Amino acid sequence: MKMRYLTVWAVVLFLSTGTALAEVQITVYNSDLALVKDTRTLQYQTGTFELSFTDVAAAIDPTSVAFTVHDNPDAVTLLEQNYRYDLVSSEKILSKYVDRTIRVVSKLEEVYEGVLLAADGSALTLRRPDGGLTILSRAETAELSFPDLPEGLITRPTLVWTLESDVSGSLPSEVRYLTGKISWHAEYIATINAAENGLDLAGWVSIDNRSGATYADATVKLVAGDVSRVEDRKAIQMDVGRTGLRAGAPFEEKAFFEYHLYTLGRRSTIRDNEIKQLALFEPTAVRAEKVYTFDGTQHGDKVRVTMEFENSVAAGLGIPLPEGKIRAMKADTDGSLEFIGEDRIDHTPKDEHVRVFVGNAFDIVGERKQTDHRQISSRVTEDDVVVELRNHKSDPITVVIVEHFWGDWTITSSTLEFTKKDARTAEWRVAVPADGKAELSYTVRRRM
């Protein structure tokens, strides 16, 4: 008998063919999404029967459910599926008991019995056996008694299948589904060394599970990349910092389709309403450079400070870095780590440049002035610009000056050498003495 699925999978991710019992694998994506593969022993009956599958995520996408009977995948046909999620709560029980008899005990141990006419957050309205009305304050209510659980309410989200089976007995089966309200993001701690020419980079993964299910002793996989979805839902991001932690069993990374897949080297339990942090990779020493940048047209008189490094083996790294936040730390003279800034990086392949903005320099000031403007012709103009850098530090520094242009431009004169970075940008590297200043003057001609 041919197995029929409720959904067609374009790509089958890591389909398990073993017979392990009560085994869970969860693959979490950046985009508030996870693929759950839950292997359990299910009890089948010959013929047509109903089977309930409990402990699924409350945020499940019911249309994504598929399952396989491991030992005999062609022996069972799925005829119908119902996802029941009307969970028990006091308010739902009350709403379903409107026009039915209930019993109420007050905090003064007074007993009231009657037909419930209305219930809200502040009061209950009962019709007494004599036809009169009693309104009871919810704040003064100590106990509510009901004859039974109203039909349709359940204690846990449940998939209920109508199956037609050629076999009976206990058979290991894998159920697969997508669920929302679970996501992961990377966080990095960059501890800058005393010479400020390198850093120790540690990577952590935060998994935020609000899906309504706990995944016990699960195989955990993470997918880094921009996976296309028909409807994008915003991932829940929580800022949870860590310093001074030692990495445990790291993830094994490999390329997968057009993404990167990270598999935890041990099983882990991801509880509902929990943010779990796991080591992504062990702390790694990386060569880095502190760069001062002055961009007067973009940031006024501020001189920005970045820590920059190559994500390469030669620099000490050379691994794919998932999107995430980098927190920069540095040790004080007493040895204690202090926070000095943070930035966010995009998904970064190996051998790409990483730039982490940590803040603005306190003791370095830039000033940009346009000293002259000339109209050479109807389409050609010339501007004279002066940039002054003032260094109040006790050490000499180098500052990168960035200038932006438009149209067809040419720098006709400059007191310092420059580099044309692209069609709209020029850069100068300017040495500024300790407790001193440096000046750049240039003229740019633009043809519109």
Protein backbone atom coordinates (compact mmCIF):
# COMPACT_ATOMS: atom_id res chain seq x y z
CA MET A 1 0.00 0.00 0.00
CA LYS A 2 1.57 3.31 -1.06
CA MET A 3 2.24 5.89 1.66
CA ARG A 4 0.66 9.28 0.89
CA TYR A 5 2.00 12.49 2.50
CA LEU A 6 0.20 15.66 3.43
CA THR A 7 3.02 17.68 1.89
CA VAL A 8 5.64 17.19 -0.78
CA TRP A 9 9.22 17.96 0.29
CA ALA A 10 11.36 19.49 -2.46
CA VAL A 11 14.48 18.54 -0.56
CA VAL A 12 14.60 15.77 2.06
CA LEU A 13 16.99 16.84 4.80
CA PHE A 14 18.86 14.00 6.49
CA LEU A 15 16.05 11.41 6.37
CA SER A 16 16.69 8.84 9.05
CA THR A 17 16.31 5.19 8.09
CA GLY A 18 17.29 3.66 11.40
CA THR A 19 15.02 2.23 14.05
CA ALA A 20 16.16 4.21 17.08
CA LEU A 21 13.34 4.77 19.55
CA ALA A 22 12.31 8.10 21.09
CA GLU A 23 14.95 9.95 19.12
CA VAL A 24 14.63 13.64 18.28
CA GLN A 25 16.58 15.66 15.75
CA ILE A 26 16.00 19.39 15.35
CA THR A 27 17.44 21.60 12.62
CA VAL A 28 17.10 25.28 13.53
CA TYR A 29 17.25 28.12 10.99
CA ASN A 30 18.05 31.82 11.42
CA SER A 31 14.55 32.78 10.28
CA ASP A 32 12.34 31.74 13.23
CA LEU A 33 11.95 28.23 11.90
CA ALA A 34 12.95 24.66 12.74
CA LEU A 35 12.58 21.23 11.15
CA VAL A 36 11.74 18.60 13.79
CA LYS A 37 12.28 14.88 13.17
CA ASP A 38 10.76 12.83 15.99
CA THR A 39 11.27 9.05 15.92
CA ARG A 40 8.99 7.07 18.26
CA THR A 41 7.46 3.61 18.55
CA LEU A 42 3.78 3.93 17.59
CA GLN A 43 1.03 1.36 18.08
CA TYR A 44 -0.67 0.37 14.81
CA GLN A 45 -3.86 -1.63 14.17
CA THR A 46 -4.93 -3.52 11.08
CA GLY A 47 -7.62 -1.70 9.12
CA THR A 48 -8.80 1.88 9.61
CA PHE A 49 -8.14 3.45 13.01
CA GLU A 50 -7.25 6.74 14.76
CA LEU A 51 -3.79 7.46 16.17
CA SER A 52 -2.95 10.40 18.42
CA PHE A 53 0.55 11.92 18.35
CA THR A 54 1.14 14.22 21.33
CA ASP A 55 3.93 16.53 22.53
CA VAL A 56 4.29 18.36 19.23
CA ALA A 57 5.23 22.04 19.11
CA ALA A 58 2.37 24.45 19.71
CA ALA A 59 3.76 26.58 16.85
CA ILE A 60 3.74 23.65 14.40
CA ASP A 61 2.82 24.22 10.76
CA PRO A 62 0.27 21.38 10.40
CA THR A 63 0.49 21.49 6.60
CA SER A 64 4.17 20.49 6.77
CA VAL A 65 3.65 17.18 8.59
CA ALA A 66 4.93 13.96 7.01
CA PHE A 67 5.78 10.61 8.56
CA THR A 68 7.38 7.30 7.64
CA VAL A 69 7.02 3.82 9.12
CA HIS A 70 10.64 2.72 9.18
CA ASP A 71 10.41 -1.03 8.65
CA ASN A 72 7.46 -1.05 6.23
CA PRO A 73 6.85 2.39 4.69
CA ASP A 74 4.27 1.08 2.18
CA ALA A 75 2.07 -0.65 4.78
CA VAL A 76 0.25 2.44 6.09
CA THR A 77 -1.87 5.04 4.29
CA LEU A 78 -2.69 8.39 5.85
CA LEU A 79 -6.36 9.18 5.20
CA GLU A 80 -6.90 12.27 7.33
CA GLN A 81 -5.08 14.52 9.79
CA ASN A 82 -6.46 16.87 12.43
CA TYR A 83 -4.36 19.24 14.51
CA ARG A 84 -6.04 19.85 17.86
CA TYR A 85 -4.70 22.80 19.81
CA ASP A 86 -7.65 24.04 21.90
CA LEU A 87 -5.77 23.67 25.19
CA VAL A 88 -7.30 23.58 28.65
CA SER A 89 -7.38 26.84 30.62
CA SER A 90 -9.70 28.18 33.30
CA GLU A 91 -11.07 30.86 30.96
CA LYS A 92 -11.81 28.37 28.17
CA ILE A 93 -13.53 26.02 30.60
CA LEU A 94 -15.68 28.89 31.85
CA SER A 95 -16.54 30.01 28.31
CA LYS A 96 -17.66 26.48 27.40
CA TYR A 97 -19.78 26.21 30.59
CA VAL A 98 -21.97 29.22 29.74
CA ASP A 99 -25.63 28.04 30.09
CA ARG A 100 -24.48 25.06 32.16
CA THR A 101 -24.52 24.49 35.92
CA ILE A 102 -21.36 25.11 37.97
CA ARG A 103 -20.49 25.26 41.67
CA VAL A 104 -18.60 28.21 43.22
CA VAL A 105 -17.02 28.42 46.67
CA SER A 106 -16.05 31.88 47.96
CA LYS A 107 -13.07 32.70 50.16
CA LEU A 108 -15.58 32.95 53.05
CA GLU A 109 -16.51 29.31 52.27
CA GLU A 110 -19.96 30.29 50.99
CA VAL A 111 -21.25 27.87 48.36
CA TYR A 112 -23.12 29.02 45.24
CA GLU A 113 -24.60 26.77 42.57
CA GLY A 114 -26.40 27.81 39.41
CA VAL A 115 -26.34 28.22 35.66
CA LEU A 116 -23.38 30.29 34.44
CA LEU A 117 -24.74 33.18 32.37
CA ALA A 118 -21.56 35.23 31.91
CA ALA A 119 -17.91 35.24 32.96
CA ASP A 120 -15.21 37.87 32.55
CA GLY A 121 -12.05 38.86 34.35
CA SER A 122 -13.88 40.59 37.20
CA ALA A 123 -17.11 38.69 37.90
CA LEU A 124 -19.23 35.58 37.41
CA THR A 125 -22.98 35.84 36.83
CA LEU A 126 -25.11 32.85 37.98
CA ARG A 127 -28.83 32.14 37.68
CA ARG A 128 -29.90 30.51 40.93
CA PRO A 129 -32.33 27.56 41.06
CA ASP A 130 -35.03 30.00 42.31
CA GLY A 131 -34.63 32.10 39.15
CA GLY A 132 -32.73 34.95 40.79
CA LEU A 133 -29.26 36.22 39.79
CA THR A 134 -26.02 36.18 41.75
CA ILE A 135 -22.95 38.18 40.67
CA LEU A 136 -19.74 36.96 42.28
CA SER A 137 -16.44 38.82 42.31
CA ARG A 138 -13.61 36.78 40.76
CA ALA A 139 -11.26 38.21 43.38
CA GLU A 140 -13.39 36.66 46.14
CA THR A 141 -13.72 33.28 44.42
CA ALA A 142 -11.76 30.47 46.04
CA GLU A 143 -12.93 27.43 44.04
CA LEU A 144 -14.82 26.59 40.86
CA SER A 145 -16.23 23.09 40.32
CA PHE A 146 -17.33 21.59 36.99
CA PRO A 147 -18.91 18.17 36.39
CA ASP A 148 -16.47 17.25 33.60
CA LEU A 149 -13.99 18.58 31.03
CA PRO A 150 -15.84 20.25 28.14
CA GLU A 151 -15.64 18.39 24.86
CA GLY A 152 -12.91 19.54 22.51
CA LEU A 153 -10.43 20.79 25.13
CA ILE A 154 -7.13 18.94 25.39
CA THR A 155 -4.14 19.20 27.69
CA ARG A 156 -1.43 19.17 24.99
CA PRO A 157 -1.28 20.02 21.28
CA THR A 158 -2.05 16.78 19.44
CA LEU A 159 -1.97 15.47 15.89
CA VAL A 160 -4.81 13.00 15.30
CA TRP A 161 -4.46 10.80 12.23
CA THR A 162 -6.97 8.50 10.55
CA LEU A 163 -4.85 5.68 9.13
CA GLU A 164 -5.42 2.58 7.06
CA SER A 165 -2.88 -0.10 7.91
CA ASP A 166 -1.93 -3.56 6.65
CA VAL A 167 0.11 -4.23 9.80
CA SER A 168 -0.41 -4.14 13.54
CA GLY A 169 1.79 -3.83 16.58
CA SER A 170 4.56 -1.51 17.76
CA LEU A 171 6.51 -0.01 14.87
CA PRO A 172 9.25 2.67 14.93
CA SER A 173 8.11 5.71 12.92
CA GLU A 174 9.57 9.10 12.10
CA VAL A 175 7.36 12.19 12.13
CA ARG A 176 8.68 15.36 10.48
CA TYR A 177 7.26 18.87 10.68
CA LEU A 178 8.19 22.55 10.57
CA THR A 179 7.60 24.80 13.54
CA GLY A 180 7.93 28.51 14.14
CA LYS A 181 8.86 30.50 17.26
CA ILE A 182 12.32 29.02 17.50
CA SER A 183 15.47 30.62 16.12
CA TRP A 184 19.18 30.89 16.66
CA HIS A 185 21.79 33.56 16.29
CA ALA A 186 25.53 33.73 16.76
CA GLU A 187 27.35 35.88 19.29
CA TYR A 188 31.06 36.50 19.44
CA ILE A 189 33.40 37.69 22.15
CA ALA A 190 36.51 39.45 20.78
CA THR A 191 39.09 39.96 23.53
CA ILE A 192 41.63 42.50 22.25
CA ASN A 193 45.24 42.00 23.34
CA ALA A 194 47.37 44.60 25.14
CA ALA A 195 49.20 45.66 21.97
CA GLU A 196 45.86 46.03 20.16
CA ASN A 197 47.21 44.13 17.14
CA GLY A 198 45.28 40.93 17.71
CA LEU A 199 42.30 39.41 19.48
CA ASP A 200 40.99 36.14 20.84
CA LEU A 201 37.69 35.37 19.12
CA ALA A 202 35.16 33.00 20.71
CA GLY A 203 31.87 32.07 19.06
CA TRP A 204 28.63 31.20 20.83
CA VAL A 205 25.22 30.11 19.59
CA SER A 206 21.98 31.22 21.27
CA ILE A 207 18.89 29.09 20.55
CA ASP A 208 15.65 30.80 21.60
CA ASN A 209 12.86 28.23 21.90
CA ARG A 210 9.31 29.52 22.27
CA SER A 211 7.72 26.87 20.05
CA GLY A 212 5.68 25.26 22.82
CA ALA A 213 7.65 22.01 22.98
CA THR A 214 10.74 20.61 24.68
CA TYR A 215 13.21 18.64 22.56
CA ALA A 216 14.84 16.20 24.97
CA ASP A 217 18.28 14.71 24.36
CA ALA A 218 18.11 15.92 20.77
CA THR A 219 20.58 15.94 17.92
CA VAL A 220 20.97 19.67 17.24
CA LYS A 221 21.76 21.13 13.82
CA LEU A 222 21.88 24.78 12.79
CA VAL A 223 21.60 26.18 9.28
CA ALA A 224 23.32 29.51 8.57
CA GLY A 225 22.16 31.32 5.45
CA ASP A 226 19.24 33.17 3.91
CA VAL A 227 16.67 30.42 3.30
CA SER A 228 13.77 31.54 1.12
CA ARG A 229 10.33 31.39 2.70
CA VAL A 230 6.92 32.31 1.36
CA GLU A 231 6.04 34.27 4.47
CA ASP A 232 8.81 35.81 6.53
CA ARG A 233 8.29 36.05 10.27
CA LYS A 234 10.57 38.15 12.43
CA ALA A 235 12.92 36.16 14.59
CA ILE A 236 12.94 36.86 18.31
CA GLN A 237 16.33 38.21 19.26
CA MET A 238 17.58 38.22 22.83
CA ASP A 239 20.84 39.86 23.83
CA VAL A 240 22.59 37.48 26.21
CA GLY A 241 26.26 38.21 26.75
CA ARG A 242 28.96 35.86 28.00
CA THR A 243 32.50 36.57 29.07
CA GLY A 244 35.06 34.30 30.64
CA LEU A 245 33.27 31.09 29.62
CA ARG A 246 35.20 28.07 28.43
CA ALA A 247 33.93 26.41 25.27
CA GLY A 248 32.51 22.92 25.51
CA ALA A 249 32.01 20.47 22.65
CA PRO A 250 32.02 22.68 19.53
CA PHE A 251 29.93 22.31 16.40
CA GLU A 252 31.11 20.50 13.31
CA GLU A 253 30.72 22.80 10.30
CA LYS A 254 30.28 21.87 6.64
CA ALA A 255 28.87 23.33 3.45
CA PHE A 256 25.29 22.24 2.74
CA PHE A 257 23.53 23.22 -0.49
CA GLU A 258 24.12 27.03 -0.65
CA TYR A 259 24.25 27.35 3.15
CA HIS A 260 26.43 26.18 6.01
CA LEU A 261 25.35 23.46 8.44
CA TYR A 262 26.58 23.22 12.03
CA THR A 263 26.06 19.96 13.95
CA LEU A 264 26.57 19.84 17.70
CA GLY A 265 29.04 17.11 18.68
CA ARG A 266 26.79 15.83 21.46
CA ARG A 267 23.09 15.60 22.28
CA SER A 268 21.38 18.44 24.12
CA THR A 269 17.94 19.20 25.57
CA ILE A 270 16.27 22.38 24.31
CA ARG A 271 13.47 23.23 26.74
CA ASP A 272 10.42 25.30 25.94
CA ASN A 273 10.72 28.98 26.91
CA GLU A 274 14.49 28.67 27.25
CA ILE A 275 17.45 30.43 25.69
CA LYS A 276 20.27 27.91 25.41
CA GLN A 277 23.85 28.95 24.71
CA LEU A 278 26.33 26.56 23.14
CA ALA A 279 29.95 27.02 22.10
CA LEU A 280 30.25 27.46 18.33
CA PHE A 281 34.04 27.19 18.25
CA GLU A 282 36.88 27.35 20.75
CA PRO A 283 38.60 30.72 21.39
CA THR A 284 41.01 31.45 18.54
CA ALA A 285 43.87 33.95 18.36
CA VAL A 286 43.46 36.21 15.30
CA ARG A 287 45.76 38.90 13.93
CA ALA A 288 43.87 42.18 13.78
CA GLU A 289 44.40 45.90 13.23
CA LYS A 290 42.90 48.89 15.02
CA VAL A 291 41.85 51.43 12.39
CA TYR A 292 40.91 55.09 12.91
CA THR A 293 38.62 56.53 10.21
CA PHE A 294 37.46 60.11 9.69
CA ASP A 295 34.52 60.63 7.32
CA GLY A 296 33.48 64.23 7.84
CA THR A 297 30.55 64.21 5.45
CA GLN A 298 29.02 61.12 7.11
CA HIS A 299 29.94 61.41 10.81
CA GLY A 300 30.81 65.04 11.56
CA ASP A 301 33.92 65.57 13.68
CA LYS A 302 33.95 62.01 15.09
CA VAL A 303 36.83 59.64 14.40
CA ARG A 304 35.50 56.09 14.28
CA VAL A 305 37.44 53.14 15.69
CA THR A 306 37.22 49.68 14.13
CA MET A 307 38.98 46.39 14.74
CA GLU A 308 39.60 44.70 11.41
CA PHE A 309 40.90 41.27 10.43
CA GLU A 310 40.94 38.79 7.59
CA ASN A 311 38.85 35.67 8.07
CA SER A 312 41.71 33.54 6.78
CA VAL A 313 43.84 30.64 7.95
CA ALA A 314 46.92 32.86 7.68
CA ALA A 315 45.38 35.33 10.14
CA GLY A 316 44.44 32.51 12.53
CA LEU A 317 40.79 31.89 11.59
CA GLY A 318 39.51 30.89 8.13
CA ILE A 319 36.06 29.48 9.01
CA PRO A 320 32.55 30.56 7.92
CA LEU A 321 31.17 33.02 10.47
CA PRO A 322 27.35 33.09 10.81
CA GLU A 323 25.61 36.44 11.13
CA GLY A 324 25.69 37.76 14.67
CA LYS A 325 26.80 40.31 17.21
CA ILE A 326 30.45 40.79 18.17
CA ARG A 327 31.18 42.21 21.61
CA ALA A 328 34.67 43.63 22.03
CA MET A 329 36.42 43.32 25.41
CA LYS A 330 39.84 44.33 26.69
CA ALA A 331 41.67 43.60 29.95
CA ASP A 332 42.35 46.51 32.32
CA THR A 333 45.70 46.76 34.14
CA ASP A 334 44.18 44.79 37.02
CA GLY A 335 43.37 41.93 34.63
CA SER A 336 39.61 42.38 34.59
CA LEU A 337 37.85 42.38 31.23
CA GLU A 338 35.96 45.54 30.30
CA PHE A 339 33.37 46.02 27.55
CA ILE A 340 34.53 48.49 24.86
CA GLY A 341 31.88 48.21 22.13
CA GLU A 342 29.88 45.93 19.88
CA ASP A 343 28.84 45.57 16.27
CA ARG A 344 26.97 43.12 14.05
CA ILE A 345 28.45 41.16 11.16
CA ASP A 346 26.65 39.52 8.25
CA HIS A 347 27.22 35.91 7.21
CA THR A 348 30.95 35.99 6.37
CA PRO A 349 32.66 33.30 4.27
CA LYS A 350 36.30 32.43 4.84
CA ASP A 351 38.94 34.71 3.31
CA GLU A 352 36.67 37.75 3.57
CA HIS A 353 37.47 40.97 5.46
CA VAL A 354 35.75 41.59 8.81
CA ARG A 355 35.31 45.13 10.15
CA VAL A 356 33.96 45.61 13.70
CA PHE A 357 32.99 49.16 14.70
CA VAL A 358 33.56 49.57 18.45
CA GLY A 359 32.97 53.30 18.99
CA ASN A 360 34.30 56.82 18.49
CA ALA A 361 37.75 57.92 19.66
CA PHE A 362 37.67 60.24 22.67
CA ASP A 363 41.08 61.92 22.15
CA ILE A 364 41.06 62.32 18.36
CA VAL A 365 39.08 65.03 16.58
CA GLY A 366 38.61 65.73 12.89
CA GLU A 367 37.47 68.93 11.23
CA ARG A 368 36.49 69.27 7.57
CA LYS A 369 36.11 72.65 5.79
CA GLN A 370 35.28 73.53 2.23
CA THR A 371 37.35 76.67 1.75
CA ASP A 372 36.35 77.58 -1.80
CA HIS A 373 33.93 76.75 -4.60
CA ARG A 374 34.44 77.81 -8.24
CA GLN A 375 32.13 77.52 -11.22
CA ILE A 376 34.55 76.80 -14.08
CA SER A 377 31.81 76.36 -16.70
CA SER A 378 28.14 75.47 -16.88
CA ARG A 379 29.00 71.80 -16.18
CA VAL A 380 32.34 71.98 -14.36
CA THR A 381 33.00 73.04 -10.75
CA GLU A 382 36.02 73.03 -8.45
CA ASP A 383 36.10 72.76 -4.65
CA ASP A 384 38.97 73.32 -2.23
CA VAL A 385 38.76 71.22 0.95
CA VAL A 386 40.89 71.22 4.10
CA VAL A 387 40.76 68.42 6.69
CA GLU A 388 42.52 68.84 10.03
CA LEU A 389 43.15 65.98 12.47
CA ARG A 390 44.04 66.70 16.10
CA ASN A 391 45.54 63.90 18.19
CA HIS A 392 45.50 64.40 21.98
CA LYS A 393 46.90 60.94 22.70
CA SER A 394 50.45 60.35 23.92
CA ASP A 395 51.16 58.01 20.97
CA PRO A 396 51.33 58.76 17.24
CA ILE A 397 48.49 57.37 15.17
CA THR A 398 47.39 56.89 11.55
CA VAL A 399 43.92 58.02 10.50
CA VAL A 400 42.15 57.05 7.27
CA ILE A 401 40.36 60.08 5.79
CA VAL A 402 37.40 59.17 3.59
CA GLU A 403 35.89 61.60 1.06
CA HIS A 404 32.85 61.00 -1.17
CA PHE A 405 32.23 62.47 -4.63
CA TRP A 406 29.65 62.27 -7.37
CA GLY A 407 29.65 62.78 -11.10
CA ASP A 408 32.87 62.64 -13.15
CA TRP A 409 35.49 63.77 -10.64
CA THR A 410 39.24 64.33 -10.60
CA ILE A 411 41.47 65.38 -7.73
CA THR A 412 43.65 68.00 -9.40
CA SER A 413 45.91 68.64 -6.41
CA SER A 414 46.50 67.10 -2.97
CA THR A 415 49.07 67.66 -0.24
CA LEU A 416 49.09 63.91 0.47
CA GLU A 417 48.86 60.78 -1.66
CA PHE A 418 45.42 59.21 -1.98
CA THR A 419 43.79 56.01 -3.20
CA LYS A 420 40.71 55.92 -5.41
CA LYS A 421 38.66 53.17 -3.73
CA ASP A 422 35.73 53.21 -6.14
CA ALA A 423 33.77 55.51 -8.46
CA ARG A 424 32.65 57.71 -5.55
CA THR A 425 35.30 57.35 -2.86
CA ALA A 426 38.88 58.45 -2.20
CA GLU A 427 40.98 57.65 0.89
CA TRP A 428 44.08 59.14 2.47
CA ARG A 429 46.18 57.49 5.20
CA VAL A 430 47.43 60.35 7.37
CA ALA A 431 50.07 60.07 10.09
CA VAL A 432 49.31 62.28 13.11
CA PRO A 433 52.04 62.85 15.73
CA ALA A 434 51.53 62.32 19.44
CA ASP A 435 49.74 65.28 21.01
CA GLY A 436 49.86 67.00 17.63
CA LYS A 437 47.93 67.66 14.44
CA ALA A 438 48.05 66.95 10.72
CA GLU A 439 46.36 68.63 7.78
CA LEU A 440 45.19 67.53 4.35
CA SER A 441 44.35 69.97 1.55
CA TYR A 442 43.02 68.97 -1.84
CA THR A 443 41.15 70.31 -4.85
CA VAL A 444 38.52 68.28 -6.68
CA ARG A 445 37.12 69.10 -10.11
CA ARG A 446 33.68 67.73 -10.98
CA ARG A 447 31.99 67.51 -14.37
CA MET A 448 28.23 67.09 -14.23
